[in-house]
Amino acid sequence: MPTELVDRCIGSKIWVIMKGDKELVGTLRGFDMYVNMVLEDVTEYEITAEGRRVTKLDQILLNGNNIAMLVPGGSPE
C-alpha cells in the first residue's frame, strides 16, 4: 500500500474495509509507517448474526495490521 496515496487522503473521507466483518467511513486525520490510522467523525458498520449494526464514533485509532482495503472518498452505501 503506497503511503503517498494514503497521504493524499488526509483531511478527506475514506472507507476502510477491515479484515473480518467491519467497515468504517471517516475523515482521515493521520497515519504512520505501519498504516495505523486516526479517523474522526466515524461511522462503523459491523455485520452480525442479527444484521448490520451501525455505530457512530467521534474518533478511532485503527491498527494497520487489520486493514484489508482503503477506498478514498468511498462509502459502503
PDB file of N, CA and C in Angstrom:
ATOM      1  N   MET A   1       0.852  -1.169   0.000  1.00  0.00           N
ATOM      2  CA  MET A   1       0.000   0.000   0.000  1.00  0.00           C
ATOM      3  C   MET A   1       0.899   1.234   0.000  1.00  0.00           C
ATOM      4  N   PRO A   2       0.968   1.936  -1.114  1.00  0.00           N
ATOM      5  CA  PRO A   2       1.842   3.107  -1.175  1.00  0.00           C
ATOM      6  C   PRO A   2       1.375   4.207  -0.223  1.00  0.00           C
ATOM      7  N   THR A   3       2.263   4.600   0.674  1.00  0.00           N
ATOM      8  CA  THR A   3       1.884   5.611   1.669  1.00  0.00           C
ATOM      9  C   THR A   3       1.650   6.974   1.038  1.00  0.00           C
ATOM     10  N   GLU A   4       2.208   7.232  -0.153  1.00  0.00           N
ATOM     11  CA  GLU A   4       1.967   8.519  -0.817  1.00  0.00           C
ATOM     12  C   GLU A   4       0.487   8.674  -1.164  1.00  0.00           C
ATOM     13  N   LEU A   5      -0.142   7.581  -1.565  1.00  0.00           N
ATOM     14  CA  LEU A   5      -1.571   7.628  -1.886  1.00  0.00           C
ATOM     15  C   LEU A   5      -2.403   7.864  -0.636  1.00  0.00           C
ATOM     16  N   VAL A   6      -2.029   7.220   0.459  1.00  0.00           N
ATOM     17  CA  VAL A   6      -2.742   7.412   1.723  1.00  0.00           C
ATOM     18  C   VAL A   6      -2.551   8.851   2.196  1.00  0.00           C
ATOM     19  N   ASP A   7      -1.347   9.386   2.040  1.00  0.00           N
ATOM     20  CA  ASP A   7      -1.049  10.757   2.460  1.00  0.00           C
ATOM     21  C   ASP A   7      -1.943  11.766   1.746  1.00  0.00           C
ATOM     22  N   ARG A   8      -2.270  11.512   0.491  1.00  0.00           N
ATOM     23  CA  ARG A   8      -3.147  12.414  -0.264  1.00  0.00           C
ATOM     24  C   ARG A   8      -4.577  12.424   0.275  1.00  0.00           C
ATOM     25  N   CYS A   9      -4.935  11.419   1.052  1.00  0.00           N
ATOM     26  CA  CYS A   9      -6.293  11.309   1.596  1.00  0.00           C
ATOM     27  C   CYS A   9      -6.460  12.017   2.938  1.00  0.00           C
ATOM     28  N   ILE A  10      -5.384  12.529   3.530  1.00  0.00           N
ATOM     29  CA  ILE A  10      -5.502  13.200   4.829  1.00  0.00           C
ATOM     30  C   ILE A  10      -6.453  14.386   4.697  1.00  0.00           C
ATOM     31  N   GLY A  11      -7.400  14.461   5.617  1.00  0.00           N
ATOM     32  CA  GLY A  11      -8.412  15.513   5.602  1.00  0.00           C
ATOM     33  C   GLY A  11      -9.635  15.165   4.781  1.00  0.00           C
ATOM     34  N   SER A  12      -9.623  14.014   4.125  1.00  0.00           N
ATOM     35  CA  SER A  12     -10.737  13.590   3.277  1.00  0.00           C
ATOM     36  C   SER A  12     -11.435  12.372   3.870  1.00  0.00           C
ATOM     37  N   LYS A  13     -12.648  12.137   3.368  1.00  0.00           N
ATOM     38  CA  LYS A  13     -13.382  10.931   3.755  1.00  0.00           C
ATOM     39  C   LYS A  13     -12.695   9.718   3.151  1.00  0.00           C
ATOM     40  N   ILE A  14     -12.672   8.644   3.927  1.00  0.00           N
ATOM     41  CA  ILE A  14     -12.070   7.399   3.458  1.00  0.00           C
ATOM     42  C   ILE A  14     -12.904   6.233   3.985  1.00  0.00           C
ATOM     43  N   TRP A  15     -13.044   5.221   3.158  1.00  0.00           N
ATOM     44  CA  TRP A  15     -13.773   3.997   3.523  1.00  0.00           C
ATOM     45  C   TRP A  15     -12.717   2.943   3.805  1.00  0.00           C
ATOM     46  N   VAL A  16     -12.721   2.408   5.012  1.00  0.00           N
ATOM     47  CA  VAL A  16     -11.735   1.419   5.438  1.00  0.00           C
ATOM     48  C   VAL A  16     -12.443   0.079   5.616  1.00  0.00           C
ATOM     49  N   ILE A  17     -11.998  -0.911   4.865  1.00  0.00           N
ATOM     50  CA  ILE A  17     -12.548  -2.258   4.980  1.00  0.00           C
ATOM     51  C   ILE A  17     -11.547  -3.072   5.787  1.00  0.00           C
ATOM     52  N   MET A  18     -12.007  -3.560   6.923  1.00  0.00           N
ATOM     53  CA  MET A  18     -11.144  -4.291   7.839  1.00  0.00           C
ATOM     54  C   MET A  18     -11.189  -5.787   7.531  1.00  0.00           C
ATOM     55  N   LYS A  19     -10.172  -6.509   7.962  1.00  0.00           N
ATOM     56  CA  LYS A  19     -10.212  -7.966   7.920  1.00  0.00           C
ATOM     57  C   LYS A  19     -11.293  -8.383   8.912  1.00  0.00           C
ATOM     58  N   GLY A  20     -12.209  -9.213   8.507  1.00  0.00           N
ATOM     59  CA  GLY A  20     -13.326  -9.572   9.379  1.00  0.00           C
ATOM     60  C   GLY A  20     -14.597  -8.920   8.877  1.00  0.00           C
ATOM     61  N   ASP A  21     -15.480  -8.579   9.786  1.00  0.00           N
ATOM     62  CA  ASP A  21     -16.814  -8.115   9.414  1.00  0.00           C
ATOM     63  C   ASP A  21     -17.054  -6.642   9.704  1.00  0.00           C
ATOM     64  N   LYS A  22     -16.019  -5.801   9.662  1.00  0.00           N
ATOM     65  CA  LYS A  22     -16.194  -4.380   9.958  1.00  0.00           C
ATOM     66  C   LYS A  22     -15.737  -3.519   8.796  1.00  0.00           C
ATOM     67  N   GLU A  23     -16.472  -2.420   8.610  1.00  0.00           N
ATOM     68  CA  GLU A  23     -16.096  -1.378   7.664  1.00  0.00           C
ATOM     69  C   GLU A  23     -16.301  -0.051   8.377  1.00  0.00           C
ATOM     70  N   LEU A  24     -15.450   0.915   8.072  1.00  0.00           N
ATOM     71  CA  LEU A  24     -15.544   2.224   8.704  1.00  0.00           C
ATOM     72  C   LEU A  24     -15.443   3.306   7.646  1.00  0.00           C
ATOM     73  N   VAL A  25     -16.199   4.375   7.839  1.00  0.00           N
ATOM     74  CA  VAL A  25     -16.100   5.556   6.992  1.00  0.00           C
ATOM     75  C   VAL A  25     -15.848   6.733   7.913  1.00  0.00           C
ATOM     76  N   GLY A  26     -14.808   7.512   7.609  1.00  0.00           N
ATOM     77  CA  GLY A  26     -14.495   8.665   8.436  1.00  0.00           C
ATOM     78  C   GLY A  26     -13.488   9.562   7.745  1.00  0.00           C
ATOM     79  N   THR A  27     -13.151  10.650   8.411  1.00  0.00           N
ATOM     80  CA  THR A  27     -12.166  11.594   7.895  1.00  0.00           C
ATOM     81  C   THR A  27     -10.790  11.185   8.394  1.00  0.00           C
ATOM     82  N   LEU A  28      -9.875  10.960   7.474  1.00  0.00           N
ATOM     83  CA  LEU A  28      -8.516  10.554   7.832  1.00  0.00           C
ATOM     84  C   LEU A  28      -7.760  11.746   8.398  1.00  0.00           C
ATOM     85  N   ARG A  29      -7.275  11.621   9.622  1.00  0.00           N
ATOM     86  CA  ARG A  29      -6.517  12.691  10.278  1.00  0.00           C
ATOM     87  C   ARG A  29      -5.025  12.430  10.269  1.00  0.00           C
ATOM     88  N   GLY A  30      -4.619  11.162  10.215  1.00  0.00           N
ATOM     89  CA  GLY A  30      -3.196  10.860  10.187  1.00  0.00           C
ATOM     90  C   GLY A  30      -2.951   9.371  10.149  1.00  0.00           C
ATOM     91  N   PHE A  31      -1.690   9.018   9.838  1.00  0.00           N
ATOM     92  CA  PHE A  31      -1.280   7.617   9.810  1.00  0.00           C
ATOM     93  C   PHE A  31       0.227   7.565   9.998  1.00  0.00           C
ATOM     94  N   ASP A  32       0.729   6.368  10.287  1.00  0.00           N
ATOM     95  CA  ASP A  32       2.171   6.203  10.452  1.00  0.00           C
ATOM     96  C   ASP A  32       2.702   5.211   9.416  1.00  0.00           C
ATOM     97  N   MET A  33       3.984   4.850   9.536  1.00  0.00           N
ATOM     98  CA  MET A  33       4.615   3.974   8.544  1.00  0.00           C
ATOM     99  C   MET A  33       4.022   2.567   8.517  1.00  0.00           C
ATOM    100  N   TYR A  34       3.288   2.189   9.562  1.00  0.00           N
ATOM    101  CA  TYR A  34       2.617   0.887   9.606  1.00  0.00           C
ATOM    102  C   TYR A  34       1.168   0.991   9.146  1.00  0.00           C
ATOM    103  N   VAL A  35       0.760   2.136   8.683  1.00  0.00           N
ATOM    104  CA  VAL A  35      -0.592   2.465   8.245  1.00  0.00           C
ATOM    105  C   VAL A  35      -1.603   2.304   9.378  1.00  0.00           C
ATOM    106  N   ASN A  36      -1.155   2.493  10.630  1.00  0.00           N
ATOM    107  CA  ASN A  36      -2.097   2.698  11.727  1.00  0.00           C
ATOM    108  C   ASN A  36      -2.734   4.047  11.435  1.00  0.00           C
ATOM    109  N   MET A  37      -4.046   4.164  11.610  1.00  0.00           N
ATOM    110  CA  MET A  37      -4.753   5.373  11.194  1.00  0.00           C
ATOM    111  C   MET A  37      -5.580   5.972  12.309  1.00  0.00           C
ATOM    112  N   VAL A  38      -5.688   7.297  12.285  1.00  0.00           N
ATOM    113  CA  VAL A  38      -6.613   8.022  13.146  1.00  0.00           C
ATOM    114  C   VAL A  38      -7.702   8.582  12.240  1.00  0.00           C
ATOM    115  N   LEU A  39      -8.959   8.228  12.558  1.00  0.00           N
ATOM    116  CA  LEU A  39     -10.118   8.735  11.829  1.00  0.00           C
ATOM    117  C   LEU A  39     -10.995   9.532  12.779  1.00  0.00           C
ATOM    118  N   GLU A  40     -11.656  10.562  12.240  1.00  0.00           N
ATOM    119  CA  GLU A  40     -12.628  11.355  13.006  1.00  0.00           C
ATOM    120  C   GLU A  40     -13.982  11.279  12.319  1.00  0.00           C
ATOM    121  N   ASP A  41     -15.033  11.595  13.087  1.00  0.00           N
ATOM    122  CA  ASP A  41     -16.412  11.569  12.582  1.00  0.00           C
ATOM    123  C   ASP A  41     -16.672  10.236  11.870  1.00  0.00           C
ATOM    124  N   VAL A  42     -16.540   9.165  12.628  1.00  0.00           N
ATOM    125  CA  VAL A  42     -16.523   7.806  12.084  1.00  0.00           C
ATOM    126  C   VAL A  42     -17.902   7.149  12.174  1.00  0.00           C
ATOM    127  N   THR A  43     -18.253   6.439  11.130  1.00  0.00           N
ATOM    128  CA  THR A  43     -19.398   5.534  11.143  1.00  0.00           C
ATOM    129  C   THR A  43     -18.845   4.132  10.948  1.00  0.00           C
ATOM    130  N   GLU A  44     -19.139   3.258  11.914  1.00  0.00           N
ATOM    131  CA  GLU A  44     -18.661   1.878  11.869  1.00  0.00           C
ATOM    132  C   GLU A  44     -19.821   0.975  11.473  1.00  0.00           C
ATOM    133  N   TYR A  45     -19.594   0.124  10.483  1.00  0.00           N
ATOM    134  CA  TYR A  45     -20.586  -0.844  10.024  1.00  0.00           C
ATOM    135  C   TYR A  45     -20.062  -2.229  10.375  1.00  0.00           C
ATOM    136  N   GLU A  46     -20.866  -2.986  11.112  1.00  0.00           N
ATOM    137  CA  GLU A  46     -20.460  -4.331  11.511  1.00  0.00           C
ATOM    138  C   GLU A  46     -21.554  -5.318  11.132  1.00  0.00           C
ATOM    139  N   ILE A  47     -21.162  -6.398  10.482  1.00  0.00           N
ATOM    140  CA  ILE A  47     -22.103  -7.448  10.105  1.00  0.00           C
ATOM    141  C   ILE A  47     -22.191  -8.440  11.262  1.00  0.00           C
ATOM    142  N   THR A  48     -23.404  -8.608  11.794  1.00  0.00           N
ATOM    143  CA  THR A  48     -23.629  -9.538  12.899  1.00  0.00           C
ATOM    144  C   THR A  48     -24.678 -10.568  12.470  1.00  0.00           C
ATOM    145  N   ALA A  49     -24.915 -11.547  13.317  1.00  0.00           N
ATOM    146  CA  ALA A  49     -25.935 -12.561  13.033  1.00  0.00           C
ATOM    147  C   ALA A  49     -27.323 -11.930  12.921  1.00  0.00           C
ATOM    148  N   GLU A  50     -27.529 -10.813  13.628  1.00  0.00           N
ATOM    149  CA  GLU A  50     -28.826 -10.128  13.613  1.00  0.00           C
ATOM    150  C   GLU A  50     -28.968  -9.177  12.428  1.00  0.00           C
ATOM    151  N   GLY A  51     -27.890  -8.896  11.725  1.00  0.00           N
ATOM    152  CA  GLY A  51     -27.922  -7.949  10.609  1.00  0.00           C
ATOM    153  C   GLY A  51     -26.764  -6.977  10.700  1.00  0.00           C
ATOM    154  N   ARG A  52     -26.934  -5.824  10.086  1.00  0.00           N
ATOM    155  CA  ARG A  52     -25.881  -4.814  10.069  1.00  0.00           C
ATOM    156  C   ARG A  52     -26.068  -3.835  11.221  1.00  0.00           C
ATOM    157  N   ARG A  53     -25.022  -3.673  12.026  1.00  0.00           N
ATOM    158  CA  ARG A  53     -25.060  -2.736  13.154  1.00  0.00           C
ATOM    159  C   ARG A  53     -24.237  -1.507  12.777  1.00  0.00           C
ATOM    160  N   VAL A  54     -24.802  -0.319  13.018  1.00  0.00           N
ATOM    161  CA  VAL A  54     -24.133   0.945  12.706  1.00  0.00           C
ATOM    162  C   VAL A  54     -23.840   1.670  14.009  1.00  0.00           C
ATOM    163  N   THR A  55     -22.581   2.092  14.177  1.00  0.00           N
ATOM    164  CA  THR A  55     -22.150   2.805  15.379  1.00  0.00           C
ATOM    165  C   THR A  55     -21.450   4.086  14.962  1.00  0.00           C
ATOM    166  N   LYS A  56     -21.793   5.195  15.612  1.00  0.00           N
ATOM    167  CA  LYS A  56     -21.130   6.481  15.360  1.00  0.00           C
ATOM    168  C   LYS A  56     -20.067   6.705  16.423  1.00  0.00           C
ATOM    169  N   LEU A  57     -18.880   7.146  15.999  1.00  0.00           N
ATOM    170  CA  LEU A  57     -17.763   7.413  16.903  1.00  0.00           C
ATOM    171  C   LEU A  57     -17.152   8.770  16.575  1.00  0.00           C
ATOM    172  N   ASP A  58     -16.700   9.486  17.602  1.00  0.00           N
ATOM    173  CA  ASP A  58     -16.027  10.765  17.368  1.00  0.00           C
ATOM    174  C   ASP A  58     -14.655  10.558  16.751  1.00  0.00           C
ATOM    175  N   GLN A  59     -13.915   9.571  17.276  1.00  0.00           N
ATOM    176  CA  GLN A  59     -12.542   9.331  16.834  1.00  0.00           C
ATOM    177  C   GLN A  59     -12.173   7.873  17.080  1.00  0.00           C
ATOM    178  N   ILE A  60     -11.289   7.339  16.242  1.00  0.00           N
ATOM    179  CA  ILE A  60     -10.836   5.961  16.416  1.00  0.00           C
ATOM    180  C   ILE A  60      -9.398   5.835  15.913  1.00  0.00           C
ATOM    181  N   LEU A  61      -8.644   4.952  16.549  1.00  0.00           N
ATOM    182  CA  LEU A  61      -7.299   4.586  16.115  1.00  0.00           C
ATOM    183  C   LEU A  61      -7.371   3.160  15.589  1.00  0.00           C
ATOM    184  N   LEU A  62      -7.015   2.970  14.323  1.00  0.00           N
ATOM    185  CA  LEU A  62      -7.078   1.650  13.698  1.00  0.00           C
ATOM    186  C   LEU A  62      -5.683   1.054  13.584  1.00  0.00           C
ATOM    187  N   ASN A  63      -5.575  -0.231  13.892  1.00  0.00           N
ATOM    188  CA  ASN A  63      -4.324  -0.964  13.735  1.00  0.00           C
ATOM    189  C   ASN A  63      -4.161  -1.332  12.261  1.00  0.00           C
ATOM    190  N   GLY A  64      -3.082  -0.893  11.659  1.00  0.00           N
ATOM    191  CA  GLY A  64      -2.842  -1.144  10.243  1.00  0.00           C
ATOM    192  C   GLY A  64      -2.804  -2.612   9.866  1.00  0.00           C
ATOM    193  N   ASN A  65      -2.462  -3.495  10.803  1.00  0.00           N
ATOM    194  CA  ASN A  65      -2.430  -4.932  10.516  1.00  0.00           C
ATOM    195  C   ASN A  65      -3.807  -5.491  10.206  1.00  0.00           C
ATOM    196  N   ASN A  66      -4.859  -4.803  10.644  1.00  0.00           N
ATOM    197  CA  ASN A  66      -6.222  -5.305  10.465  1.00  0.00           C
ATOM    198  C   ASN A  66      -6.946  -4.682   9.277  1.00  0.00           C
ATOM    199  N   ILE A  67      -6.266  -3.812   8.530  1.00  0.00           N
ATOM    200  CA  ILE A  67      -6.885  -3.149   7.382  1.00  0.00           C
ATOM    201  C   ILE A  67      -6.692  -4.009   6.140  1.00  0.00           C
ATOM    202  N   ALA A  68      -7.807  -4.300   5.453  1.00  0.00           N
ATOM    203  CA  ALA A  68      -7.748  -5.098   4.226  1.00  0.00           C
ATOM    204  C   ALA A  68      -7.707  -4.211   2.983  1.00  0.00           C
ATOM    205  N   MET A  69      -8.493  -3.099   2.990  1.00  0.00           N
ATOM    206  CA  MET A  69      -8.573  -2.256   1.802  1.00  0.00           C
ATOM    207  C   MET A  69      -8.984  -0.842   2.189  1.00  0.00           C
ATOM    208  N   LEU A  70      -8.509   0.137   1.424  1.00  0.00           N
ATOM    209  CA  LEU A  70      -8.869   1.540   1.612  1.00  0.00           C
ATOM    210  C   LEU A  70      -9.512   2.055   0.331  1.00  0.00           C
ATOM    211  N   VAL A  71     -10.611   2.812   0.489  1.00  0.00           N
ATOM    212  CA  VAL A  71     -11.285   3.402  -0.664  1.00  0.00           C
ATOM    213  C   VAL A  71     -11.415   4.897  -0.405  1.00  0.00           C
ATOM    214  N   PRO A  72     -10.615   5.725  -1.079  1.00  0.00           N
ATOM    215  CA  PRO A  72     -10.717   7.174  -0.875  1.00  0.00           C
ATOM    216  C   PRO A  72     -12.088   7.689  -1.282  1.00  0.00           C
ATOM    217  N   GLY A  73     -12.688   8.511  -0.404  1.00  0.00           N
ATOM    218  CA  GLY A  73     -13.973   9.121  -0.695  1.00  0.00           C
ATOM    219  C   GLY A  73     -15.120   8.146  -0.798  1.00  0.00           C
ATOM    220  N   GLY A  74     -14.867   6.899  -0.478  1.00  0.00           N
ATOM    221  CA  GLY A  74     -15.868   5.864  -0.671  1.00  0.00           C
ATOM    222  C   GLY A  74     -16.863   5.761   0.456  1.00  0.00           C
ATOM    223  N   SER A  75     -17.853   4.922   0.239  1.00  0.00           N
ATOM    224  CA  SER A  75     -18.873   4.662   1.243  1.00  0.00           C
ATOM    225  C   SER A  75     -19.501   3.305   0.953  1.00  0.00           C
ATOM    226  N   PRO A  76     -19.853   2.572   1.992  1.00  0.00           N
ATOM    227  CA  PRO A  76     -20.454   1.255   1.771  1.00  0.00           C
ATOM    228  C   PRO A  76     -21.899   1.310   1.314  1.00  0.00           C
ATOM    229  N   GLU A  77     -22.481   2.491   1.224  1.00  0.00           N
ATOM    230  CA  GLU A  77     -23.893   2.580   0.846  1.00  0.00           C
ATOM    231  C   GLU A  77     -24.057   2.921  -0.609  1.00  0.00           C
TER     232      GLU A  77
END
